[in-house]
Amino acid sequence: VLMKGGKPAGEEIKAAVYEKCSADKVRPFTDHVQM
């Protein structure tokens, strides 16, 4: 994840993205999502 201004995402944003993309309704059952 890249933020506006060219800065890589910090821990808070990465945690939120991980939670969003790890949801059962988002990822396939066999995917292991990492940031």
Full PDB file with SEQRES, HELIX, SHEET, SSBOND, CRYST1, ORIGX, SCALE, CONECT and MASTER records, all heavy atoms in Angstrom:
SEQRES   1 A   35  VAL LEU MET LYS GLY GLY LYS PRO ALA GLY GLU GLU ILE          
SEQRES   2 A   35  LYS ALA ALA VAL TYR GLU LYS CYS SER ALA ASP LYS VAL          
SEQRES   3 A   35  ARG PRO PHE THR ASP HIS VAL GLN MET                          
HELIX    1 AA1 GLU A   11  CYS A   21  1                                  11    
CRYST1    1.000    1.000    1.000  90.00  90.00  90.00 P 1           1          
ORIGX1      1.000000  0.000000  0.000000        0.00000                         
ORIGX2      0.000000  1.000000  0.000000        0.00000                         
ORIGX3      0.000000  0.000000  1.000000        0.00000                         
SCALE1      1.000000  0.000000  0.000000        0.00000                         
SCALE2      0.000000  1.000000  0.000000        0.00000                         
SCALE3      0.000000  0.000000  1.000000        0.00000                         
ATOM      1  N   VAL A   1       0.839  -1.200   0.000  1.00  0.00           N  
ATOM      2  CA  VAL A   1       0.000   0.000   0.000  1.00  0.00           C  
ATOM      3  C   VAL A   1       0.874   1.251   0.000  1.00  0.00           C  
ATOM      4  O   VAL A   1       1.804   1.371   0.801  1.00  0.00           O  
ATOM      5  CB  VAL A   1      -0.939   0.018   1.225  1.00  0.00           C  
ATOM      6  CG1 VAL A   1      -1.785   1.288   1.227  1.00  0.00           C  
ATOM      7  CG2 VAL A   1      -1.838  -1.218   1.227  1.00  0.00           C  
ATOM      8  N   LEU A   2       0.544   2.176  -0.905  1.00  0.00           N  
ATOM      9  CA  LEU A   2       1.244   3.459  -0.997  1.00  0.00           C  
ATOM     10  C   LEU A   2       0.253   4.567  -0.689  1.00  0.00           C  
ATOM     11  O   LEU A   2      -0.841   4.612  -1.240  1.00  0.00           O  
ATOM     12  CB  LEU A   2       1.828   3.644  -2.397  1.00  0.00           C  
ATOM     13  CG  LEU A   2       2.615   4.935  -2.645  1.00  0.00           C  
ATOM     14  CD1 LEU A   2       3.937   4.909  -1.886  1.00  0.00           C  
ATOM     15  CD2 LEU A   2       2.879   5.118  -4.143  1.00  0.00           C  
ATOM     16  N   MET A   3       0.639   5.488   0.192  1.00  0.00           N  
ATOM     17  CA  MET A   3      -0.219   6.608   0.558  1.00  0.00           C  
ATOM     18  C   MET A   3       0.054   7.799  -0.357  1.00  0.00           C  
ATOM     19  O   MET A   3       1.078   7.868  -1.037  1.00  0.00           O  
ATOM     20  CB  MET A   3       0.022   7.007   2.018  1.00  0.00           C  
ATOM     21  CG  MET A   3      -0.086   5.856   3.007  1.00  0.00           C  
ATOM     22  SD  MET A   3      -1.683   5.021   2.971  1.00  0.00           S  
ATOM     23  CE  MET A   3      -2.736   6.307   3.654  1.00  0.00           C  
ATOM     24  N   LYS A   4      -0.871   8.746  -0.370  1.00  0.00           N  
ATOM     25  CA  LYS A   4      -0.656   9.984  -1.115  1.00  0.00           C  
ATOM     26  C   LYS A   4       0.563  10.699  -0.546  1.00  0.00           C  
ATOM     27  O   LYS A   4       0.766  10.727   0.661  1.00  0.00           O  
ATOM     28  CB  LYS A   4      -1.888  10.876  -1.034  1.00  0.00           C  
ATOM     29  CG  LYS A   4      -3.093  10.315  -1.789  1.00  0.00           C  
ATOM     30  CD  LYS A   4      -4.301  11.226  -1.672  1.00  0.00           C  
ATOM     31  CE  LYS A   4      -5.475  10.668  -2.449  1.00  0.00           C  
ATOM     32  NZ  LYS A   4      -6.696  11.493  -2.326  1.00  0.00           N  
ATOM     33  N   GLY A   5       1.360  11.266  -1.426  1.00  0.00           N  
ATOM     34  CA  GLY A   5       2.605  11.869  -0.994  1.00  0.00           C  
ATOM     35  C   GLY A   5       3.785  10.931  -1.137  1.00  0.00           C  
ATOM     36  O   GLY A   5       4.917  11.300  -0.833  1.00  0.00           O  
ATOM     37  N   GLY A   6       3.524   9.694  -1.603  1.00  0.00           N  
ATOM     38  CA  GLY A   6       4.608   8.747  -1.852  1.00  0.00           C  
ATOM     39  C   GLY A   6       5.124   8.029  -0.631  1.00  0.00           C  
ATOM     40  O   GLY A   6       6.210   7.438  -0.668  1.00  0.00           O  
ATOM     41  N   LYS A   7       4.380   8.045   0.462  1.00  0.00           N  
ATOM     42  CA  LYS A   7       4.828   7.416   1.696  1.00  0.00           C  
ATOM     43  C   LYS A   7       4.202   6.030   1.832  1.00  0.00           C  
ATOM     44  O   LYS A   7       2.983   5.881   1.682  1.00  0.00           O  
ATOM     45  CB  LYS A   7       4.429   8.285   2.889  1.00  0.00           C  
ATOM     46  CG  LYS A   7       4.896   7.773   4.233  1.00  0.00           C  
ATOM     47  CD  LYS A   7       4.453   8.737   5.336  1.00  0.00           C  
ATOM     48  CE  LYS A   7       4.878   8.250   6.719  1.00  0.00           C  
ATOM     49  NZ  LYS A   7       4.424   9.161   7.783  1.00  0.00           N  
ATOM     50  N   PRO A   8       5.012   4.983   2.107  1.00  0.00           N  
ATOM     51  CA  PRO A   8       4.422   3.665   2.355  1.00  0.00           C  
ATOM     52  C   PRO A   8       3.477   3.705   3.551  1.00  0.00           C  
ATOM     53  O   PRO A   8       3.651   4.502   4.476  1.00  0.00           O  
ATOM     54  CB  PRO A   8       5.642   2.776   2.636  1.00  0.00           C  
ATOM     55  CG  PRO A   8       6.788   3.473   1.971  1.00  0.00           C  
ATOM     56  CD  PRO A   8       6.480   4.943   2.110  1.00  0.00           C  
ATOM     57  N   ALA A   9       2.465   2.870   3.528  1.00  0.00           N  
ATOM     58  CA  ALA A   9       1.478   2.848   4.603  1.00  0.00           C  
ATOM     59  C   ALA A   9       2.132   2.509   5.935  1.00  0.00           C  
ATOM     60  O   ALA A   9       3.046   1.687   6.009  1.00  0.00           O  
ATOM     61  CB  ALA A   9       0.385   1.837   4.287  1.00  0.00           C  
ATOM     62  N   GLY A  10       1.646   3.157   7.008  1.00  0.00           N  
ATOM     63  CA  GLY A  10       2.125   2.862   8.354  1.00  0.00           C  
ATOM     64  C   GLY A  10       1.388   1.681   8.954  1.00  0.00           C  
ATOM     65  O   GLY A  10       0.536   1.049   8.327  1.00  0.00           O  
ATOM     66  N   GLU A  11       1.706   1.389  10.203  1.00  0.00           N  
ATOM     67  CA  GLU A  11       1.161   0.200  10.859  1.00  0.00           C  
ATOM     68  C   GLU A  11      -0.355   0.257  10.998  1.00  0.00           C  
ATOM     69  O   GLU A  11      -1.039  -0.768  10.858  1.00  0.00           O  
ATOM     70  CB  GLU A  11       1.813   0.020  12.234  1.00  0.00           C  
ATOM     71  CG  GLU A  11       3.317  -0.264  12.174  1.00  0.00           C  
ATOM     72  CD  GLU A  11       3.636  -1.477  11.324  1.00  0.00           C  
ATOM     73  OE1 GLU A  11       2.919  -2.491  11.446  1.00  0.00           O  
ATOM     74  OE2 GLU A  11       4.592  -1.403  10.520  1.00  0.00           O  
ATOM     75  N   GLU A  12      -0.914   1.433  11.282  1.00  0.00           N  
ATOM     76  CA  GLU A  12      -2.360   1.531  11.475  1.00  0.00           C  
ATOM     77  C   GLU A  12      -3.115   1.235  10.181  1.00  0.00           C  
ATOM     78  O   GLU A  12      -4.100   0.491  10.170  1.00  0.00           O  
ATOM     79  CB  GLU A  12      -2.733   2.922  11.997  1.00  0.00           C  
ATOM     80  CG  GLU A  12      -2.079   3.302  13.317  1.00  0.00           C  
ATOM     81  CD  GLU A  12      -2.623   2.502  14.488  1.00  0.00           C  
ATOM     82  OE1 GLU A  12      -3.767   2.018  14.401  1.00  0.00           O  
ATOM     83  OE2 GLU A  12      -1.886   2.356  15.485  1.00  0.00           O  
ATOM     84  N   ILE A  13      -2.666   1.815   9.077  1.00  0.00           N  
ATOM     85  CA  ILE A  13      -3.310   1.572   7.790  1.00  0.00           C  
ATOM     86  C   ILE A  13      -3.117   0.124   7.364  1.00  0.00           C  
ATOM     87  O   ILE A  13      -4.055  -0.527   6.863  1.00  0.00           O  
ATOM     88  CB  ILE A  13      -2.752   2.530   6.717  1.00  0.00           C  
ATOM     89  CG1 ILE A  13      -3.246   3.954   6.968  1.00  0.00           C  
ATOM     90  CG2 ILE A  13      -3.159   2.070   5.317  1.00  0.00           C  
ATOM     91  CD1 ILE A  13      -4.729   4.156   6.731  1.00  0.00           C  
ATOM     92  N   LYS A  14      -1.917  -0.403   7.541  1.00  0.00           N  
ATOM     93  CA  LYS A  14      -1.679  -1.792   7.144  1.00  0.00           C  
ATOM     94  C   LYS A  14      -2.564  -2.754   7.925  1.00  0.00           C  
ATOM     95  O   LYS A  14      -3.086  -3.734   7.372  1.00  0.00           O  
ATOM     96  CB  LYS A  14      -0.205  -2.154   7.328  1.00  0.00           C  
ATOM     97  CG  LYS A  14       0.719  -1.523   6.295  1.00  0.00           C  
ATOM     98  CD  LYS A  14       2.085  -2.168   6.260  1.00  0.00           C  
ATOM     99  CE  LYS A  14       2.855  -1.946   7.540  1.00  0.00           C  
ATOM    100  NZ  LYS A  14       4.219  -2.499   7.463  1.00  0.00           N  
ATOM    101  N   ALA A  15      -2.763  -2.467   9.212  1.00  0.00           N  
ATOM    102  CA  ALA A  15      -3.634  -3.320  10.023  1.00  0.00           C  
ATOM    103  C   ALA A  15      -5.073  -3.259   9.517  1.00  0.00           C  
ATOM    104  O   ALA A  15      -5.771  -4.281   9.453  1.00  0.00           O  
ATOM    105  CB  ALA A  15      -3.562  -2.894  11.486  1.00  0.00           C  
ATOM    106  N   ALA A  16      -5.518  -2.062   9.124  1.00  0.00           N  
ATOM    107  CA  ALA A  16      -6.885  -1.905   8.624  1.00  0.00           C  
ATOM    108  C   ALA A  16      -7.062  -2.600   7.276  1.00  0.00           C  
ATOM    109  O   ALA A  16      -8.092  -3.235   7.023  1.00  0.00           O  
ATOM    110  CB  ALA A  16      -7.233  -0.421   8.513  1.00  0.00           C  
ATOM    111  N   VAL A  17      -6.060  -2.490   6.406  1.00  0.00           N  
ATOM    112  CA  VAL A  17      -6.125  -3.160   5.106  1.00  0.00           C  
ATOM    113  C   VAL A  17      -6.110  -4.676   5.287  1.00  0.00           C  
ATOM    114  O   VAL A  17      -6.860  -5.406   4.624  1.00  0.00           O  
ATOM    115  CB  VAL A  17      -4.958  -2.705   4.200  1.00  0.00           C  
ATOM    116  CG1 VAL A  17      -4.881  -3.565   2.944  1.00  0.00           C  
ATOM    117  CG2 VAL A  17      -5.117  -1.240   3.822  1.00  0.00           C  
ATOM    118  N   TYR A  18      -5.266  -5.143   6.191  1.00  0.00           N  
ATOM    119  CA  TYR A  18      -5.202  -6.585   6.453  1.00  0.00           C  
ATOM    120  C   TYR A  18      -6.556  -7.106   6.938  1.00  0.00           C  
ATOM    121  O   TYR A  18      -7.038  -8.145   6.470  1.00  0.00           O  
ATOM    122  CB  TYR A  18      -4.126  -6.878   7.498  1.00  0.00           C  
ATOM    123  CG  TYR A  18      -4.093  -8.329   7.931  1.00  0.00           C  
ATOM    124  CD1 TYR A  18      -3.462  -9.289   7.140  1.00  0.00           C  
ATOM    125  CD2 TYR A  18      -4.705  -8.740   9.108  1.00  0.00           C  
ATOM    126  CE1 TYR A  18      -3.444 -10.619   7.522  1.00  0.00           C  
ATOM    127  CE2 TYR A  18      -4.701 -10.074   9.494  1.00  0.00           C  
ATOM    128  CZ  TYR A  18      -4.065 -11.007   8.695  1.00  0.00           C  
ATOM    129  OH  TYR A  18      -4.066 -12.331   9.064  1.00  0.00           O  
ATOM    130  N   GLU A  19      -7.171  -6.377   7.856  1.00  0.00           N  
ATOM    131  CA  GLU A  19      -8.475  -6.803   8.373  1.00  0.00           C  
ATOM    132  C   GLU A  19      -9.524  -6.823   7.265  1.00  0.00           C  
ATOM    133  O   GLU A  19     -10.342  -7.745   7.181  1.00  0.00           O  
ATOM    134  CB  GLU A  19      -8.913  -5.864   9.496  1.00  0.00           C  
ATOM    135  CG  GLU A  19     -10.247  -6.241  10.133  1.00  0.00           C  
ATOM    136  CD  GLU A  19     -10.643  -5.317  11.266  1.00  0.00           C  
ATOM    137  OE1 GLU A  19      -9.890  -4.354  11.535  1.00  0.00           O  
ATOM    138  OE2 GLU A  19     -11.696  -5.553  11.878  1.00  0.00           O  
ATOM    139  N   LYS A  20      -9.483  -5.803   6.397  1.00  0.00           N  
ATOM    140  CA  LYS A  20     -10.456  -5.709   5.314  1.00  0.00           C  
ATOM    141  C   LYS A  20     -10.276  -6.838   4.301  1.00  0.00           C  
ATOM    142  O   LYS A  20     -11.253  -7.468   3.869  1.00  0.00           O  
ATOM    143  CB  LYS A  20     -10.311  -4.363   4.614  1.00  0.00           C  
ATOM    144  CG  LYS A  20     -11.371  -4.069   3.570  1.00  0.00           C  
ATOM    145  CD  LYS A  20     -12.679  -3.725   4.212  1.00  0.00           C  
ATOM    146  CE  LYS A  20     -13.711  -3.299   3.191  1.00  0.00           C  
ATOM    147  NZ  LYS A  20     -15.018  -2.992   3.792  1.00  0.00           N  
ATOM    148  N   CYS A  21      -9.036  -7.107   3.920  1.00  0.00           N  
ATOM    149  CA  CYS A  21      -8.772  -8.076   2.851  1.00  0.00           C  
ATOM    150  C   CYS A  21      -8.703  -9.511   3.352  1.00  0.00           C  
ATOM    151  O   CYS A  21      -8.644 -10.439   2.541  1.00  0.00           O  
ATOM    152  CB  CYS A  21      -7.474  -7.715   2.127  1.00  0.00           C  
ATOM    153  SG  CYS A  21      -7.564  -6.167   1.203  1.00  0.00           S  
ATOM    154  N   SER A  22      -8.694  -9.717   4.662  1.00  0.00           N  
ATOM    155  CA  SER A  22      -8.661 -11.068   5.220  1.00  0.00           C  
ATOM    156  C   SER A  22     -10.046 -11.595   5.535  1.00  0.00           C  
ATOM    157  O   SER A  22     -10.201 -12.750   5.940  1.00  0.00           O  
ATOM    158  CB  SER A  22      -7.811 -11.099   6.500  1.00  0.00           C  
ATOM    159  OG  SER A  22      -6.474 -10.784   6.216  1.00  0.00           O  
ATOM    160  N   ALA A  23     -11.063 -10.758   5.370  1.00  0.00           N  
ATOM    161  CA  ALA A  23     -12.430 -11.180   5.678  1.00  0.00           C  
ATOM    162  C   ALA A  23     -12.827 -12.374   4.813  1.00  0.00           C  
ATOM    163  O   ALA A  23     -12.435 -12.481   3.645  1.00  0.00           O  
ATOM    164  CB  ALA A  23     -13.395 -10.027   5.473  1.00  0.00           C  
ATOM    165  N   ASP A  24     -13.608 -13.285   5.372  1.00  0.00           N  
ATOM    166  CA  ASP A  24     -13.998 -14.499   4.665  1.00  0.00           C  
ATOM    167  C   ASP A  24     -14.766 -14.216   3.384  1.00  0.00           C  
ATOM    168  O   ASP A  24     -14.718 -14.999   2.431  1.00  0.00           O  
ATOM    169  CB  ASP A  24     -14.846 -15.395   5.583  1.00  0.00           C  
ATOM    170  CG  ASP A  24     -14.028 -15.983   6.727  1.00  0.00           C  
ATOM    171  OD1 ASP A  24     -12.788 -16.021   6.593  1.00  0.00           O  
ATOM    172  OD2 ASP A  24     -14.627 -16.391   7.738  1.00  0.00           O  
ATOM    173  N   LYS A  25     -15.489 -13.077   3.344  1.00  0.00           N  
ATOM    174  CA  LYS A  25     -16.261 -12.747   2.157  1.00  0.00           C  
ATOM    175  C   LYS A  25     -15.421 -12.074   1.084  1.00  0.00           C  
ATOM    176  O   LYS A  25     -15.919 -11.776   0.000  1.00  0.00           O  
ATOM    177  CB  LYS A  25     -17.436 -11.842   2.529  1.00  0.00           C  
ATOM    178  CG  LYS A  25     -18.489 -12.523   3.395  1.00  0.00           C  
ATOM    179  CD  LYS A  25     -19.654 -11.592   3.667  1.00  0.00           C  
ATOM    180  CE  LYS A  25     -20.731 -12.280   4.499  1.00  0.00           C  
ATOM    181  NZ  LYS A  25     -21.886 -11.389   4.769  1.00  0.00           N  
ATOM    182  N   VAL A  26     -14.154 -11.817   1.384  1.00  0.00           N  
ATOM    183  CA  VAL A  26     -13.275 -11.134   0.442  1.00  0.00           C  
ATOM    184  C   VAL A  26     -12.256 -12.086  -0.173  1.00  0.00           C  
ATOM    185  O   VAL A  26     -12.109 -12.171  -1.391  1.00  0.00           O  
ATOM    186  CB  VAL A  26     -12.546  -9.960   1.128  1.00  0.00           C  
ATOM    187  CG1 VAL A  26     -11.510  -9.345   0.198  1.00  0.00           C  
ATOM    188  CG2 VAL A  26     -13.554  -8.909   1.572  1.00  0.00           C  
ATOM    189  N   ARG A  27     -11.550 -12.805   0.662  1.00  0.00           N  
ATOM    190  CA  ARG A  27     -10.465 -13.666   0.167  1.00  0.00           C  
ATOM    191  C   ARG A  27     -10.964 -15.088  -0.075  1.00  0.00           C  
ATOM    192  O   ARG A  27     -11.870 -15.571   0.606  1.00  0.00           O  
ATOM    193  CB  ARG A  27      -9.316 -13.705   1.177  1.00  0.00           C  
ATOM    194  CG  ARG A  27      -9.682 -14.368   2.495  1.00  0.00           C  
ATOM    195  CD  ARG A  27      -8.477 -14.567   3.383  1.00  0.00           C  
ATOM    196  NE  ARG A  27      -8.865 -15.188   4.643  1.00  0.00           N  
ATOM    197  CZ  ARG A  27      -8.988 -16.506   4.824  1.00  0.00           C  
ATOM    198  NH1 ARG A  27      -8.753 -17.326   3.810  1.00  0.00           N  
ATOM    199  NH2 ARG A  27      -9.356 -16.990   5.988  1.00  0.00           N  
ATOM    200  N   PRO A  28     -10.374 -15.772  -1.051  1.00  0.00           N  
ATOM    201  CA  PRO A  28     -10.644 -17.194  -1.202  1.00  0.00           C  
ATOM    202  C   PRO A  28     -10.182 -17.953   0.042  1.00  0.00           C  
ATOM    203  O   PRO A  28      -9.255 -17.526   0.735  1.00  0.00           O  
ATOM    204  CB  PRO A  28      -9.819 -17.589  -2.431  1.00  0.00           C  
ATOM    205  CG  PRO A  28      -9.621 -16.317  -3.172  1.00  0.00           C  
ATOM    206  CD  PRO A  28      -9.537 -15.250  -2.124  1.00  0.00           C  
ATOM    207  N   PHE A  29     -10.806 -19.083   0.305  1.00  0.00           N  
ATOM    208  CA  PHE A  29     -10.531 -19.844   1.529  1.00  0.00           C  
ATOM    209  C   PHE A  29      -9.062 -20.242   1.642  1.00  0.00           C  
ATOM    210  O   PHE A  29      -8.512 -20.310   2.733  1.00  0.00           O  
ATOM    211  CB  PHE A  29     -11.415 -21.096   1.550  1.00  0.00           C  
ATOM    212  CG  PHE A  29     -11.283 -21.907   2.803  1.00  0.00           C  
ATOM    213  CD1 PHE A  29     -11.804 -21.451   4.005  1.00  0.00           C  
ATOM    214  CD2 PHE A  29     -10.630 -23.133   2.782  1.00  0.00           C  
ATOM    215  CE1 PHE A  29     -11.678 -22.197   5.165  1.00  0.00           C  
ATOM    216  CE2 PHE A  29     -10.491 -23.884   3.929  1.00  0.00           C  
ATOM    217  CZ  PHE A  29     -11.024 -23.418   5.128  1.00  0.00           C  
ATOM    218  N   THR A  30      -8.411 -20.463   0.508  1.00  0.00           N  
ATOM    219  CA  THR A  30      -7.034 -20.966   0.523  1.00  0.00           C  
ATOM    220  C   THR A  30      -5.987 -19.862   0.541  1.00  0.00           C  
ATOM    221  O   THR A  30      -4.796 -20.147   0.627  1.00  0.00           O  
ATOM    222  CB  THR A  30      -6.787 -21.864  -0.696  1.00  0.00           C  
ATOM    223  OG1 THR A  30      -7.119 -21.131  -1.891  1.00  0.00           O  
ATOM    224  CG2 THR A  30      -7.640 -23.125  -0.624  1.00  0.00           C  
ATOM    225  N   ASP A  31      -6.400 -18.595   0.443  1.00  0.00           N  
ATOM    226  CA  ASP A  31      -5.426 -17.497   0.420  1.00  0.00           C  
ATOM    227  C   ASP A  31      -4.982 -17.130   1.830  1.00  0.00           C  
ATOM    228  O   ASP A  31      -5.799 -16.991   2.744  1.00  0.00           O  
ATOM    229  CB  ASP A  31      -6.027 -16.262  -0.252  1.00  0.00           C  
ATOM    230  CG  ASP A  31      -5.922 -16.322  -1.759  1.00  0.00           C  
ATOM    231  OD1 ASP A  31      -5.407 -17.334  -2.276  1.00  0.00           O  
ATOM    232  OD2 ASP A  31      -6.365 -15.367  -2.428  1.00  0.00           O  
ATOM    233  N   HIS A  32      -3.683 -16.917   1.978  1.00  0.00           N  
ATOM    234  CA  HIS A  32      -3.104 -16.412   3.228  1.00  0.00           C  
ATOM    235  C   HIS A  32      -2.619 -14.993   2.960  1.00  0.00           C  
ATOM    236  O   HIS A  32      -1.613 -14.782   2.275  1.00  0.00           O  
ATOM    237  CB  HIS A  32      -1.950 -17.311   3.680  1.00  0.00           C  
ATOM    238  CG  HIS A  32      -1.253 -16.806   4.903  1.00  0.00           C  
ATOM    239  ND1 HIS A  32       0.106 -16.920   5.099  1.00  0.00           N  
ATOM    240  CD2 HIS A  32      -1.737 -16.161   6.005  1.00  0.00           C  
ATOM    241  CE1 HIS A  32       0.434 -16.375   6.262  1.00  0.00           C  
ATOM    242  NE2 HIS A  32      -0.661 -15.906   6.819  1.00  0.00           N  
ATOM    243  N   VAL A  33      -3.345 -14.009   3.463  1.00  0.00           N  
ATOM    244  CA  VAL A  33      -3.055 -12.603   3.174  1.00  0.00           C  
ATOM    245  C   VAL A  33      -2.005 -12.063   4.137  1.00  0.00           C  
ATOM    246  O   VAL A  33      -2.099 -12.271   5.351  1.00  0.00           O  
ATOM    247  CB  VAL A  33      -4.338 -11.751   3.255  1.00  0.00           C  
ATOM    248  CG1 VAL A  33      -4.023 -10.277   3.038  1.00  0.00           C  
ATOM    249  CG2 VAL A  33      -5.362 -12.233   2.228  1.00  0.00           C  
ATOM    250  N   GLN A  34      -1.019 -11.370   3.591  1.00  0.00           N  
ATOM    251  CA  GLN A  34       0.010 -10.722   4.391  1.00  0.00           C  
ATOM    252  C   GLN A  34       0.247  -9.311   3.842  1.00  0.00           C  
ATOM    253  O   GLN A  34      -0.001  -9.042   2.664  1.00  0.00           O  
ATOM    254  CB  GLN A  34       1.318 -11.513   4.349  1.00  0.00           C  
ATOM    255  CG  GLN A  34       1.195 -12.952   4.827  1.00  0.00           C  
ATOM    256  CD  GLN A  34       2.501 -13.691   4.748  1.00  0.00           C  
ATOM    257  OE1 GLN A  34       3.457 -13.377   5.452  1.00  0.00           O  
ATOM    258  NE2 GLN A  34       2.559 -14.686   3.877  1.00  0.00           N  
ATOM    259  N   MET A  35       0.723  -8.433   4.699  1.00  0.00           N  
ATOM    260  CA  MET A  35       1.048  -7.074   4.294  1.00  0.00           C  
ATOM    261  C   MET A  35       2.543  -6.940   4.067  1.00  0.00           C  
ATOM    262  O   MET A  35       3.349  -7.511   4.810  1.00  0.00           O  
ATOM    263  CB  MET A  35       0.598  -6.070   5.357  1.00  0.00           C  
ATOM    264  CG  MET A  35      -0.893  -6.082   5.654  1.00  0.00           C  
ATOM    265  SD  MET A  35      -1.917  -5.737   4.210  1.00  0.00           S  
ATOM    266  CE  MET A  35      -1.342  -4.088   3.766  1.00  0.00           C  
TER     267      MET A  35                                                      
MASTER        0    0    0    1    0    0    0    6  266    1    0    3          
END                                                                             
